[in-house]
Amino acid sequence: MKKLTLIILIGLLIGLIIFAVNSTDFKIGKTIEITNEYIVNDHWDGKYNNAIKIDKMIVLDNRMDVFSKGFIKNSTFWDFEGTLAKDSTFSASYGGINTLEKHYVEGKVFFDKDNGWNWNLNGLESRTIGKLEKDTWYKFSSLTMNTKYYKYVYVDNTGKTHIFNVNKANY
């Protein structure tokens, strides 16, 4: 009986360790999907959480290569804020509220198609912001009620997105 209990405890411990190390691979609850053409955010609720902000980023550290083994292995611990800086040539945002004049964001929000509302693109109103550029980093924020939660997105040369979550709320 003691051996069975010990085996179960070891199995649970191993399972918890695997979950802790790979927690970003498990989908629990609400998700956010980002491609170079659109975003789907399950956190948008039509009441309080209806915003999005996208900033184009400049790479400050040439070691930041999403395809290198070192980066992939340590991406959870990478200092994105220390190796990326905001590029002033592109900043897009929308803070939707549920009124007749300004709609809240919901469902699939396209970057290169009219969503029925205007983006704030570099300080000017625009119906679209265009697809996310290839070989470019972006910082997505204001996606959840947690104002310290960001998604750093790299769009590779094929248009595929590589997404890295950063939650500064626990720092």
N, C-alpha and C. Protein backbone atom coordinates (compact mmCIF):
# COMPACT_ATOMS: atom_id res chain seq x y z
N MET A 1 0.81 -1.19 0.00
CA MET A 1 0.00 0.00 0.00
C MET A 1 0.85 1.26 0.00
N LYS A 2 1.96 1.24 0.76
CA LYS A 2 2.85 2.39 0.81
C LYS A 2 3.52 2.62 -0.55
N LYS A 3 3.83 1.52 -1.22
CA LYS A 3 4.46 1.65 -2.54
C LYS A 3 3.51 2.29 -3.53
N LEU A 4 2.26 1.90 -3.51
CA LEU A 4 1.25 2.47 -4.41
C LEU A 4 1.06 3.96 -4.14
N THR A 5 0.99 4.34 -2.89
CA THR A 5 0.86 5.75 -2.52
C THR A 5 2.08 6.54 -2.98
N LEU A 6 3.24 5.99 -2.80
CA LEU A 6 4.47 6.64 -3.23
C LEU A 6 4.50 6.81 -4.75
N ILE A 7 4.09 5.79 -5.48
CA ILE A 7 4.06 5.87 -6.95
C ILE A 7 3.07 6.94 -7.41
N ILE A 8 1.91 7.00 -6.78
CA ILE A 8 0.91 8.02 -7.14
C ILE A 8 1.45 9.42 -6.84
N LEU A 9 2.08 9.60 -5.69
CA LEU A 9 2.64 10.90 -5.35
C LEU A 9 3.74 11.32 -6.31
N ILE A 10 4.59 10.39 -6.69
CA ILE A 10 5.66 10.70 -7.65
C ILE A 10 5.06 11.06 -9.01
N GLY A 11 4.03 10.33 -9.42
CA GLY A 11 3.35 10.63 -10.68
C GLY A 11 2.73 12.01 -10.67
N LEU A 12 2.06 12.37 -9.57
CA LEU A 12 1.48 13.71 -9.45
C LEU A 12 2.55 14.78 -9.45
N LEU A 13 3.65 14.54 -8.76
CA LEU A 13 4.74 15.50 -8.73
C LEU A 13 5.33 15.71 -10.13
N ILE A 14 5.55 14.64 -10.85
CA ILE A 14 6.08 14.75 -12.22
C ILE A 14 5.09 15.51 -13.10
N GLY A 15 3.80 15.21 -12.95
CA GLY A 15 2.78 15.92 -13.73
C GLY A 15 2.76 17.40 -13.44
N LEU A 16 2.87 17.78 -12.18
CA LEU A 16 2.91 19.20 -11.81
C LEU A 16 4.15 19.89 -12.35
N ILE A 17 5.28 19.21 -12.32
CA ILE A 17 6.51 19.80 -12.86
C ILE A 17 6.38 20.01 -14.37
N ILE A 18 5.85 19.02 -15.07
CA ILE A 18 5.66 19.17 -16.53
C ILE A 18 4.71 20.31 -16.82
N PHE A 19 3.63 20.41 -16.08
CA PHE A 19 2.68 21.51 -16.28
C PHE A 19 3.32 22.86 -16.00
N ALA A 20 4.10 22.97 -14.92
CA ALA A 20 4.74 24.24 -14.57
C ALA A 20 5.74 24.68 -15.63
N VAL A 21 6.49 23.74 -16.17
CA VAL A 21 7.49 24.07 -17.19
C VAL A 21 6.84 24.41 -18.52
N ASN A 22 5.76 23.74 -18.86
CA ASN A 22 5.10 23.94 -20.15
C ASN A 22 3.71 24.55 -20.03
N SER A 23 3.49 25.40 -19.05
CA SER A 23 2.15 25.91 -18.79
C SER A 23 1.58 26.70 -19.97
N THR A 24 2.42 27.31 -20.82
CA THR A 24 1.90 28.07 -21.95
C THR A 24 1.35 27.15 -23.04
N ASP A 25 1.68 25.85 -23.00
CA ASP A 25 1.19 24.92 -24.00
C ASP A 25 -0.20 24.39 -23.66
N PHE A 26 -0.64 24.53 -22.42
CA PHE A 26 -1.94 24.07 -22.00
C PHE A 26 -2.97 25.18 -22.15
N LYS A 27 -4.11 24.89 -22.75
CA LYS A 27 -5.14 25.89 -22.96
C LYS A 27 -6.23 25.71 -21.92
N ILE A 28 -6.23 26.61 -20.95
CA ILE A 28 -7.22 26.58 -19.90
C ILE A 28 -7.98 27.90 -19.97
N GLY A 29 -9.27 27.83 -20.18
CA GLY A 29 -10.07 29.05 -20.19
C GLY A 29 -9.97 29.81 -21.49
N LYS A 30 -9.89 31.13 -21.36
CA LYS A 30 -9.92 32.04 -22.50
C LYS A 30 -8.59 32.07 -23.24
N THR A 31 -8.66 32.23 -24.56
CA THR A 31 -7.45 32.26 -25.38
C THR A 31 -7.41 33.52 -26.24
N ILE A 32 -6.23 33.79 -26.76
CA ILE A 32 -6.00 34.88 -27.69
C ILE A 32 -5.23 34.30 -28.87
N GLU A 33 -5.78 34.45 -30.07
CA GLU A 33 -5.14 33.98 -31.29
C GLU A 33 -4.73 35.19 -32.13
N ILE A 34 -3.47 35.22 -32.56
CA ILE A 34 -2.98 36.34 -33.37
C ILE A 34 -2.30 35.78 -34.61
N THR A 35 -2.74 36.25 -35.78
CA THR A 35 -2.06 35.96 -37.04
C THR A 35 -1.61 37.29 -37.62
N ASN A 36 -1.00 37.26 -38.79
CA ASN A 36 -0.59 38.53 -39.40
C ASN A 36 -1.78 39.27 -40.02
N GLU A 37 -2.97 38.62 -40.06
CA GLU A 37 -4.15 39.23 -40.65
C GLU A 37 -5.24 39.59 -39.65
N TYR A 38 -5.28 38.92 -38.48
CA TYR A 38 -6.37 39.16 -37.53
C TYR A 38 -5.99 38.74 -36.11
N ILE A 39 -6.87 39.10 -35.18
CA ILE A 39 -6.77 38.66 -33.79
C ILE A 39 -8.14 38.20 -33.33
N VAL A 40 -8.17 37.14 -32.54
CA VAL A 40 -9.38 36.68 -31.85
C VAL A 40 -9.03 36.66 -30.37
N ASN A 41 -9.81 37.37 -29.57
CA ASN A 41 -9.52 37.49 -28.15
C ASN A 41 -10.77 37.13 -27.35
N ASP A 42 -10.73 35.99 -26.68
CA ASP A 42 -11.86 35.54 -25.86
C ASP A 42 -12.09 36.43 -24.64
N HIS A 43 -11.14 37.30 -24.31
CA HIS A 43 -11.26 38.18 -23.15
C HIS A 43 -12.15 39.39 -23.43
N TRP A 44 -12.36 39.75 -24.69
CA TRP A 44 -13.23 40.88 -24.99
C TRP A 44 -14.64 40.51 -24.59
N ASP A 45 -15.26 41.35 -23.78
CA ASP A 45 -16.53 40.96 -23.19
C ASP A 45 -17.69 41.91 -23.48
N GLY A 46 -17.48 43.02 -24.14
CA GLY A 46 -18.58 43.92 -24.44
C GLY A 46 -18.93 44.87 -23.31
N LYS A 47 -18.27 44.74 -22.16
CA LYS A 47 -18.54 45.64 -21.04
C LYS A 47 -17.29 46.39 -20.61
N TYR A 48 -16.32 45.67 -20.11
CA TYR A 48 -15.17 46.32 -19.51
C TYR A 48 -13.88 46.13 -20.30
N ASN A 49 -13.73 45.03 -20.92
CA ASN A 49 -12.48 44.71 -21.59
C ASN A 49 -12.69 44.71 -23.10
N ASN A 50 -12.44 45.84 -23.72
CA ASN A 50 -12.72 46.00 -25.15
C ASN A 50 -11.64 46.79 -25.86
N ALA A 51 -10.41 46.56 -25.54
CA ALA A 51 -9.34 47.37 -26.10
C ALA A 51 -8.26 46.51 -26.74
N ILE A 52 -7.46 47.18 -27.54
CA ILE A 52 -6.29 46.54 -28.16
C ILE A 52 -5.28 47.64 -28.49
N LYS A 53 -4.02 47.34 -28.27
CA LYS A 53 -2.95 48.24 -28.65
C LYS A 53 -1.84 47.41 -29.28
N ILE A 54 -1.35 47.88 -30.43
CA ILE A 54 -0.28 47.17 -31.15
C ILE A 54 0.83 48.17 -31.43
N ASP A 55 2.03 47.85 -30.98
CA ASP A 55 3.20 48.68 -31.25
C ASP A 55 4.23 47.87 -32.02
N LYS A 56 4.73 48.45 -33.09
CA LYS A 56 5.83 47.84 -33.84
C LYS A 56 7.09 48.02 -33.00
N MET A 57 7.95 47.02 -33.01
CA MET A 57 9.14 47.04 -32.17
C MET A 57 10.42 46.97 -33.01
N ILE A 58 11.49 47.51 -32.44
CA ILE A 58 12.83 47.47 -33.04
C ILE A 58 13.67 46.53 -32.18
N VAL A 59 14.45 45.67 -32.80
CA VAL A 59 15.32 44.73 -32.08
C VAL A 59 16.60 45.46 -31.67
N LEU A 60 16.90 45.43 -30.37
CA LEU A 60 18.12 46.06 -29.84
C LEU A 60 19.24 45.06 -29.64
N ASP A 61 18.90 43.78 -29.55
CA ASP A 61 19.88 42.72 -29.25
C ASP A 61 19.82 41.69 -30.37
N ASN A 62 20.90 41.59 -31.16
CA ASN A 62 20.89 40.68 -32.31
C ASN A 62 20.88 39.21 -31.93
N ARG A 63 21.00 38.89 -30.64
CA ARG A 63 20.89 37.49 -30.20
C ARG A 63 19.44 37.04 -30.17
N MET A 64 18.51 37.96 -30.35
CA MET A 64 17.08 37.65 -30.30
C MET A 64 16.64 37.05 -31.62
N ASP A 65 16.85 35.76 -31.75
CA ASP A 65 16.51 35.01 -32.96
C ASP A 65 15.55 33.90 -32.58
N VAL A 66 14.29 34.04 -32.98
CA VAL A 66 13.27 33.07 -32.56
C VAL A 66 13.55 31.66 -33.05
N PHE A 67 14.43 31.51 -34.01
CA PHE A 67 14.72 30.19 -34.56
C PHE A 67 15.95 29.53 -33.95
N SER A 68 16.68 30.25 -33.10
CA SER A 68 17.87 29.66 -32.48
C SER A 68 17.45 28.77 -31.31
N LYS A 69 18.20 27.71 -31.09
CA LYS A 69 17.88 26.76 -30.02
C LYS A 69 17.92 27.44 -28.66
N GLY A 70 18.88 28.32 -28.45
CA GLY A 70 18.99 29.01 -27.17
C GLY A 70 17.79 29.88 -26.87
N PHE A 71 17.29 30.55 -27.89
CA PHE A 71 16.12 31.41 -27.68
C PHE A 71 14.88 30.57 -27.40
N ILE A 72 14.67 29.54 -28.19
CA ILE A 72 13.49 28.68 -28.02
C ILE A 72 13.50 28.06 -26.63
N LYS A 73 14.66 27.58 -26.19
CA LYS A 73 14.77 26.92 -24.90
C LYS A 73 14.50 27.90 -23.75
N ASN A 74 14.92 29.15 -23.90
CA ASN A 74 14.83 30.12 -22.81
C ASN A 74 13.82 31.24 -23.07
N SER A 75 12.90 31.08 -24.02
CA SER A 75 12.00 32.17 -24.38
C SER A 75 11.11 32.62 -23.22
N THR A 76 10.79 31.70 -22.31
CA THR A 76 9.96 32.06 -21.16
C THR A 76 10.69 33.07 -20.27
N PHE A 77 12.01 33.03 -20.26
CA PHE A 77 12.80 33.89 -19.38
C PHE A 77 13.46 35.05 -20.12
N TRP A 78 13.17 35.21 -21.41
CA TRP A 78 13.83 36.24 -22.21
C TRP A 78 13.36 37.63 -21.76
N ASP A 79 14.27 38.57 -21.74
CA ASP A 79 13.96 39.95 -21.37
C ASP A 79 13.52 40.72 -22.62
N PHE A 80 12.24 40.58 -22.96
CA PHE A 80 11.72 41.24 -24.16
C PHE A 80 11.81 42.75 -24.06
N GLU A 81 11.52 43.29 -22.89
CA GLU A 81 11.54 44.74 -22.72
C GLU A 81 12.94 45.31 -22.81
N GLY A 82 13.95 44.51 -22.51
CA GLY A 82 15.33 44.97 -22.60
C GLY A 82 15.94 44.79 -23.98
N THR A 83 15.31 43.95 -24.81
CA THR A 83 15.88 43.68 -26.14
C THR A 83 15.03 44.22 -27.28
N LEU A 84 13.86 44.77 -26.96
CA LEU A 84 13.00 45.38 -27.97
C LEU A 84 12.65 46.79 -27.52
N ALA A 85 12.55 47.71 -28.49
CA ALA A 85 12.14 49.08 -28.20
C ALA A 85 11.04 49.47 -29.17
N LYS A 86 10.18 50.37 -28.74
CA LYS A 86 9.06 50.81 -29.57
C LYS A 86 9.57 51.56 -30.79
N ASP A 87 9.03 51.17 -31.95
CA ASP A 87 9.32 51.83 -33.22
C ASP A 87 8.24 52.90 -33.41
N SER A 88 8.62 54.14 -33.49
CA SER A 88 7.64 55.24 -33.55
C SER A 88 6.90 55.31 -34.89
N THR A 89 7.24 54.46 -35.86
CA THR A 89 6.58 54.53 -37.16
C THR A 89 5.23 53.81 -37.20
N PHE A 90 4.93 52.97 -36.15
CA PHE A 90 3.67 52.24 -36.17
C PHE A 90 3.15 52.01 -34.76
N SER A 91 1.99 52.58 -34.48
CA SER A 91 1.28 52.33 -33.24
C SER A 91 -0.20 52.38 -33.55
N ALA A 92 -0.91 51.30 -33.26
CA ALA A 92 -2.34 51.21 -33.57
C ALA A 92 -3.09 50.82 -32.31
N SER A 93 -4.26 51.41 -32.12
CA SER A 93 -5.05 51.06 -30.94
C SER A 93 -6.53 51.29 -31.21
N TYR A 94 -7.33 50.65 -30.36
CA TYR A 94 -8.77 50.86 -30.36
C TYR A 94 -9.27 50.55 -28.97
N GLY A 95 -10.06 51.45 -28.43
CA GLY A 95 -10.68 51.23 -27.13
C GLY A 95 -12.17 51.28 -27.29
N GLY A 96 -12.77 50.17 -27.60
CA GLY A 96 -14.20 50.14 -27.91
C GLY A 96 -15.08 50.19 -26.68
N ILE A 97 -16.16 50.90 -26.82
CA ILE A 97 -17.22 50.88 -25.82
C ILE A 97 -18.51 50.63 -26.56
N ASN A 98 -19.46 50.07 -25.89
CA ASN A 98 -20.69 49.66 -26.56
C ASN A 98 -21.68 50.82 -26.63
N THR A 99 -21.50 51.69 -27.64
CA THR A 99 -22.44 52.77 -27.91
C THR A 99 -22.76 52.75 -29.39
N LEU A 100 -23.67 53.58 -29.81
CA LEU A 100 -24.01 53.65 -31.23
C LEU A 100 -22.86 54.23 -32.05
N GLU A 101 -22.09 55.14 -31.43
CA GLU A 101 -20.99 55.77 -32.16
C GLU A 101 -19.72 54.94 -32.17
N LYS A 102 -19.49 54.19 -31.11
CA LYS A 102 -18.24 53.44 -30.97
C LYS A 102 -18.55 52.03 -30.52
N HIS A 103 -18.28 51.07 -31.36
CA HIS A 103 -18.61 49.67 -31.07
C HIS A 103 -17.50 49.00 -30.28
N TYR A 104 -17.87 48.03 -29.48
CA TYR A 104 -16.85 47.25 -28.78
C TYR A 104 -16.29 46.20 -29.73
N VAL A 105 -15.06 45.78 -29.45
CA VAL A 105 -14.42 44.77 -30.28
C VAL A 105 -14.97 43.41 -29.89
N GLU A 106 -15.13 42.57 -30.88
CA GLU A 106 -15.63 41.21 -30.62
C GLU A 106 -15.28 40.32 -31.81
N GLY A 107 -15.27 39.02 -31.55
CA GLY A 107 -15.02 38.06 -32.60
C GLY A 107 -13.64 38.22 -33.23
N LYS A 108 -13.58 38.02 -34.51
CA LYS A 108 -12.33 38.11 -35.26
C LYS A 108 -12.16 39.55 -35.73
N VAL A 109 -11.10 40.20 -35.28
CA VAL A 109 -10.81 41.57 -35.67
C VAL A 109 -9.68 41.54 -36.68
N PHE A 110 -9.99 42.04 -37.88
CA PHE A 110 -9.01 42.03 -38.97
C PHE A 110 -8.15 43.28 -38.94
N PHE A 111 -6.90 43.12 -39.36
CA PHE A 111 -6.00 44.25 -39.46
C PHE A 111 -6.12 44.92 -40.84
N ASP A 112 -6.43 44.14 -41.87
CA ASP A 112 -6.45 44.67 -43.24
C ASP A 112 -7.85 44.75 -43.84
N LYS A 113 -8.89 44.58 -43.01
CA LYS A 113 -10.27 44.69 -43.47
C LYS A 113 -11.04 45.62 -42.54
N ASP A 114 -12.11 46.19 -43.04
CA ASP A 114 -12.95 47.10 -42.25
C ASP A 114 -13.73 46.29 -41.21
N ASN A 115 -13.57 46.66 -39.94
CA ASN A 115 -14.27 45.99 -38.85
C ASN A 115 -15.52 46.75 -38.41
N GLY A 116 -15.82 47.87 -39.08
CA GLY A 116 -16.98 48.67 -38.72
C GLY A 116 -16.67 49.79 -37.74
N TRP A 117 -15.41 50.00 -37.45
CA TRP A 117 -14.97 51.08 -36.57
C TRP A 117 -13.57 51.54 -37.00
N ASN A 118 -13.13 52.66 -36.47
CA ASN A 118 -11.83 53.23 -36.83
C ASN A 118 -10.77 52.90 -35.79
N TRP A 119 -9.60 52.53 -36.29
CA TRP A 119 -8.41 52.38 -35.46
C TRP A 119 -7.82 53.77 -35.24
N ASN A 120 -7.05 53.93 -34.18
CA ASN A 120 -6.18 55.08 -34.02
C ASN A 120 -4.82 54.59 -34.51
N LEU A 121 -4.41 55.05 -35.68
CA LEU A 121 -3.16 54.63 -36.30
C LEU A 121 -2.21 55.81 -36.33
N ASN A 122 -1.20 55.77 -35.47
CA ASN A 122 -0.23 56.85 -35.35
C ASN A 122 -0.91 58.20 -35.13
N GLY A 123 -1.97 58.20 -34.33
CA GLY A 123 -2.66 59.43 -33.99
C GLY A 123 -3.76 59.85 -34.95
N LEU A 124 -3.97 59.10 -36.02
CA LEU A 124 -5.00 59.41 -37.00
C LEU A 124 -6.01 58.28 -37.09
N GLU A 125 -7.25 58.61 -37.41
CA GLU A 125 -8.26 57.57 -37.58
C GLU A 125 -8.07 56.85 -38.90
N SER A 126 -8.22 55.52 -38.87
CA SER A 126 -8.06 54.71 -40.06
C SER A 126 -8.98 53.49 -39.96
N ARG A 127 -9.61 53.12 -41.05
CA ARG A 127 -10.51 51.95 -41.05
C ARG A 127 -9.72 50.65 -40.93
N THR A 128 -8.50 50.62 -41.45
CA THR A 128 -7.66 49.42 -41.37
C THR A 128 -6.24 49.84 -41.00
N ILE A 129 -5.44 48.86 -40.58
CA ILE A 129 -4.03 49.13 -40.29
C ILE A 129 -3.10 48.31 -41.17
N GLY A 130 -3.64 47.42 -41.98
CA GLY A 130 -2.84 46.57 -42.85
C GLY A 130 -2.34 45.33 -42.13
N LYS A 131 -1.96 44.33 -42.90
CA LYS A 131 -1.41 43.10 -42.31
C LYS A 131 -0.14 43.44 -41.54
N LEU A 132 0.15 42.63 -40.55
CA LEU A 132 1.41 42.79 -39.83
C LEU A 132 2.55 42.45 -40.78
N GLU A 133 3.60 43.25 -40.75
CA GLU A 133 4.73 43.09 -41.67
C GLU A 133 5.55 41.85 -41.34
N LYS A 134 6.10 41.25 -42.39
CA LYS A 134 6.98 40.09 -42.22
C LYS A 134 8.32 40.53 -41.64
N ASP A 135 8.98 39.60 -40.95
CA ASP A 135 10.27 39.84 -40.30
C ASP A 135 10.22 41.02 -39.33
N THR A 136 9.12 41.11 -38.58
CA THR A 136 8.91 42.25 -37.69
C THR A 136 8.34 41.78 -36.35
N TRP A 137 8.77 42.46 -35.28
CA TRP A 137 8.26 42.23 -33.93
C TRP A 137 7.17 43.24 -33.61
N TYR A 138 6.17 42.80 -32.84
CA TYR A 138 5.09 43.66 -32.36
C TYR A 138 4.83 43.36 -30.89
N LYS A 139 4.37 44.38 -30.17
CA LYS A 139 3.93 44.21 -28.79
C LYS A 139 2.43 44.47 -28.75
N PHE A 140 1.67 43.48 -28.31
CA PHE A 140 0.22 43.60 -28.15
C PHE A 140 -0.06 43.82 -26.67
N SER A 141 -0.86 44.83 -26.37
CA SER A 141 -1.24 45.10 -24.98
C SER A 141 -2.70 45.51 -24.92
N SER A 142 -3.18 45.72 -23.71
CA SER A 142 -4.59 46.07 -23.44
C SER A 142 -5.54 44.95 -23.90
N LEU A 143 -5.07 43.73 -23.89
CA LEU A 143 -5.87 42.59 -24.37
C LEU A 143 -6.73 41.98 -23.27
N THR A 144 -6.34 42.18 -22.03
CA THR A 144 -7.08 41.63 -20.90
C THR A 144 -7.24 42.73 -19.85
N MET A 145 -7.93 42.42 -18.78
CA MET A 145 -8.06 43.37 -17.68
C MET A 145 -6.73 43.56 -16.95
N ASN A 146 -5.80 42.64 -17.10
CA ASN A 146 -4.47 42.74 -16.51
C ASN A 146 -3.65 43.68 -17.38
N THR A 147 -3.40 44.89 -16.91
CA THR A 147 -2.67 45.89 -17.70
C THR A 147 -1.18 45.59 -17.81
N LYS A 148 -0.71 44.59 -17.11
CA LYS A 148 0.71 44.21 -17.17
C LYS A 148 0.93 42.95 -18.00
N TYR A 149 -0.07 42.54 -18.77
CA TYR A 149 0.02 41.34 -19.61
C TYR A 149 0.23 41.77 -21.06
N TYR A 150 1.28 41.24 -21.69
CA TYR A 150 1.62 41.58 -23.06
C TYR A 150 1.84 40.31 -23.88
N LYS A 151 1.68 40.46 -25.17
CA LYS A 151 2.06 39.41 -26.10
C LYS A 151 3.06 40.03 -27.07
N TYR A 152 4.24 39.46 -27.11
CA TYR A 152 5.23 39.87 -28.10
C TYR A 152 5.09 38.90 -29.26
N VAL A 153 4.91 39.44 -30.45
CA VAL A 153 4.62 38.64 -31.63
C VAL A 153 5.68 38.91 -32.68
N TYR A 154 6.29 37.84 -33.16
CA TYR A 154 7.23 37.94 -34.28
C TYR A 154 6.55 37.35 -35.50
N VAL A 155 6.51 38.11 -36.58
CA VAL A 155 5.97 37.63 -37.86
C VAL A 155 7.18 37.25 -38.71
N ASP A 156 7.31 35.96 -39.03
CA ASP A 156 8.48 35.52 -39.79
C ASP A 156 8.32 35.84 -41.28
N ASN A 157 9.30 35.44 -42.08
CA ASN A 157 9.30 35.80 -43.51
C ASN A 157 8.24 35.07 -44.33
N THR A 158 7.54 34.10 -43.72
CA THR A 158 6.43 33.44 -44.41
C THR A 158 5.07 34.01 -43.98
N GLY A 159 5.09 34.90 -42.97
CA GLY A 159 3.86 35.46 -42.46
C GLY A 159 3.33 34.74 -41.23
N LYS A 160 4.02 33.69 -40.78
CA LYS A 160 3.60 32.95 -39.59
C LYS A 160 3.97 33.74 -38.34
N THR A 161 3.09 33.72 -37.35
CA THR A 161 3.35 34.43 -36.11
C THR A 161 3.90 33.50 -35.03
N HIS A 162 4.83 34.04 -34.26
CA HIS A 162 5.43 33.36 -33.12
C HIS A 162 5.13 34.24 -31.92
N ILE A 163 4.40 33.71 -30.95
CA ILE A 163 3.85 34.52 -29.88
C ILE A 163 4.48 34.16 -28.55
N PHE A 164 4.87 35.20 -27.81
CA PHE A 164 5.51 35.03 -26.51
C PHE A 164 4.76 35.87 -25.48
N ASN A 165 4.28 35.23 -24.43
CA ASN A 165 3.48 35.90 -23.40
C ASN A 165 4.39 36.45 -22.30
N VAL A 166 4.08 37.66 -21.84
CA VAL A 166 4.79 38.27 -20.72
C VAL A 166 3.75 38.80 -19.76
N ASN A 167 3.83 38.36 -18.50
CA ASN A 167 2.92 38.84 -17.47
C ASN A 167 3.75 39.50 -16.37
N LYS A 168 3.78 40.83 -16.37
CA LYS A 168 4.55 41.59 -15.40
C LYS A 168 3.80 41.81 -14.10
N ALA A 169 2.58 41.30 -13.97
CA ALA A 169 1.78 41.51 -12.76
C ALA A 169 2.43 40.85 -11.54
N ASN A 170 3.23 39.84 -11.76
CA ASN A 170 3.83 39.11 -10.64
C ASN A 170 5.23 39.58 -10.31
N TYR A 171 5.69 40.66 -10.95
CA TYR A 171 7.06 41.12 -10.73
C TYR A 171 7.12 42.06 -9.55
